[in-house]
Protein backbone atom coordinates (compact mmCIF):
# COMPACT_ATOMS: atom_id res chain seq x y z
CA MET A 1 0.07 0.07 -0.04
CA ARG A 2 1.29 3.44 -0.96
CA ARG A 3 1.21 5.90 1.81
CA SER A 4 1.45 9.67 1.70
CA ASN A 5 1.80 12.39 4.20
CA PHE A 6 -0.39 15.31 4.55
CA ALA A 7 -0.10 18.23 7.10
CA LEU A 8 -3.34 18.41 8.76
CA ARG A 9 -4.16 21.66 11.02
CA LEU A 10 -6.70 20.96 13.56
CA GLN A 11 -8.02 23.19 16.43
CA PRO A 12 -6.14 22.16 19.72
CA SER A 13 -9.54 21.17 21.25
CA LEU A 14 -10.54 19.03 18.36
CA LEU A 15 -7.06 17.37 18.35
CA GLN A 16 -7.48 16.67 22.18
CA GLU A 17 -10.84 15.06 21.70
CA LEU A 18 -9.38 13.02 18.74
CA ARG A 19 -6.54 11.80 20.91
CA LYS A 20 -9.08 10.78 23.81
CA ALA A 21 -11.23 8.95 21.19
CA ALA A 22 -8.33 7.11 19.73
CA GLU A 23 -7.06 6.10 23.11
CA ALA A 24 -10.54 4.98 24.06
CA GLU A 25 -10.81 2.80 21.00
CA GLY A 26 -7.21 1.45 21.52
CA VAL A 27 -6.05 2.67 17.93
CA ALA A 28 -3.43 5.10 16.87
CA LEU A 29 -4.55 8.76 16.14
CA ASN A 30 -3.56 8.39 12.51
CA GLN A 31 -5.86 5.27 12.26
CA LEU A 32 -8.71 6.90 13.88
CA ILE A 33 -8.54 9.83 11.30
CA ASN A 34 -8.19 7.57 8.44
CA VAL A 35 -11.30 5.49 9.44
CA ALA A 36 -13.08 8.76 10.03
CA VAL A 37 -12.24 10.19 6.56
CA ALA A 38 -13.14 6.82 4.98
CA GLU A 39 -16.43 6.69 6.68
CA LYS A 40 -17.28 10.21 5.52
CA LEU A 41 -16.47 9.54 1.97
CA SER A 42 -18.43 6.45 2.04
CA ALA A 43 -21.52 8.37 3.22
CA LEU A 44 -21.04 11.15 0.51
CA ARG A 45 -20.63 8.32 -2.17
CA THR A 46 -23.78 6.59 -0.83
CA THR A 47 -25.86 9.96 -1.01
CA GLU A 48 -24.43 10.62 -4.51
CA TYR A 49 -25.28 7.04 -5.65
CA PHE A 50 -28.94 7.24 -4.24
CA GLN A 51 -29.38 10.68 -5.83
CA GLU A 52 -28.16 9.49 -9.39
CA ARG A 53 -30.38 6.34 -9.05
CA GLY A 54 -33.33 8.27 -8.02
CA ARG A 55 -33.05 10.50 -11.11
CA ARG A 56 -33.27 7.44 -13.21
CA ALA A 57 -36.30 6.07 -11.63
CA ASN A 58 -39.64 5.86 -13.25
CA ARG A 59 -42.02 7.30 -10.72
CA ALA A 60 -45.25 5.92 -12.51
CA GLU A 61 -43.85 2.45 -12.68
CA THR A 62 -42.76 2.59 -9.19
CA LEU A 63 -46.20 3.72 -7.89
CA ARG A 64 -47.83 0.87 -10.04
CA ILE A 65 -45.80 -1.71 -8.41
CA LEU A 66 -46.22 -0.30 -4.83
CA ALA A 67 -50.03 -0.16 -5.52
CA LYS A 68 -50.24 -3.95 -5.92
CA ALA A 69 -47.62 -4.95 -3.25
CA GLY A 70 -49.15 -7.46 -1.13
CA ARG A 71 -52.51 -7.77 -2.78
CA GLY A 72 -53.51 -11.38 -3.19
CA ASN A 73 -50.88 -12.76 -0.89
CA ARG A 74 -52.07 -14.70 2.19
CA PRO A 75 -50.21 -14.10 5.29
CA GLU A 76 -47.34 -16.34 6.04
CA SER A 77 -45.95 -17.80 9.16
CA GLY A 78 -44.10 -14.96 10.85
CA ASP A 79 -46.26 -12.31 9.61
CA GLU A 80 -48.20 -11.87 12.82
CA LEU A 81 -47.51 -9.09 15.33
CA ARG A 82 -45.54 -10.16 18.40
CA PRO A 83 -47.70 -10.06 21.49
CA ASP A 84 -45.65 -7.11 22.95
CA LYS A 85 -46.28 -4.99 20.04
CA LYS A 86 -50.01 -4.48 20.28
CA VAL A 87 -51.57 -2.03 18.03
CA LYS A 88 -53.47 0.72 19.91
CA SER A 89 -55.50 2.10 16.98
CA ARG A 90 -55.87 2.20 13.24
CA ALA A 91 -57.05 5.29 11.62
CA LYS A 92 -57.64 6.05 7.83
CA LYS A 93 -57.10 9.53 6.70
CA ARG A 94 -58.16 10.69 3.31
CA VAL A 95 -55.57 13.01 1.83
CA GLY A 96 -56.50 14.14 -1.74
CA LYS A 97 -56.85 10.93 -3.83
CA ARG A 98 -54.59 9.00 -1.61
CA THR A 99 -55.44 7.00 1.53
CA ARG A 100 -53.08 6.90 4.18
CA ARG A 101 -53.15 4.50 7.21
CA SER A 102 -51.55 5.35 10.44
CA VAL A 103 -50.81 2.71 12.98
CA SER A 104 -49.62 3.57 16.48
CA ALA A 105 -47.79 0.85 18.26
CA LYS A 106 -46.59 0.73 21.88
């Protein structure tokens, strides 16, 4: 693996917190910073991926598929609610042409 050096200027208070975090994690400060940067880049790339993927989506086709999701399928074993997740109430609200069902669970 090729390595490179980069002079990073941090506020003293931030550097102090980073050192504490690295010590608590049992890793070197350099490793902690590398992992933090990698995690941030991953989050940015994921956001970009979903934004680009969303631009290619066919909204009408997606809504057509979602409208028939679950229709005609009998419940299967494991579909039932757990006893500790009792449903308090069910209410249907009419919003324009759409119907929305809100379920409150304890």
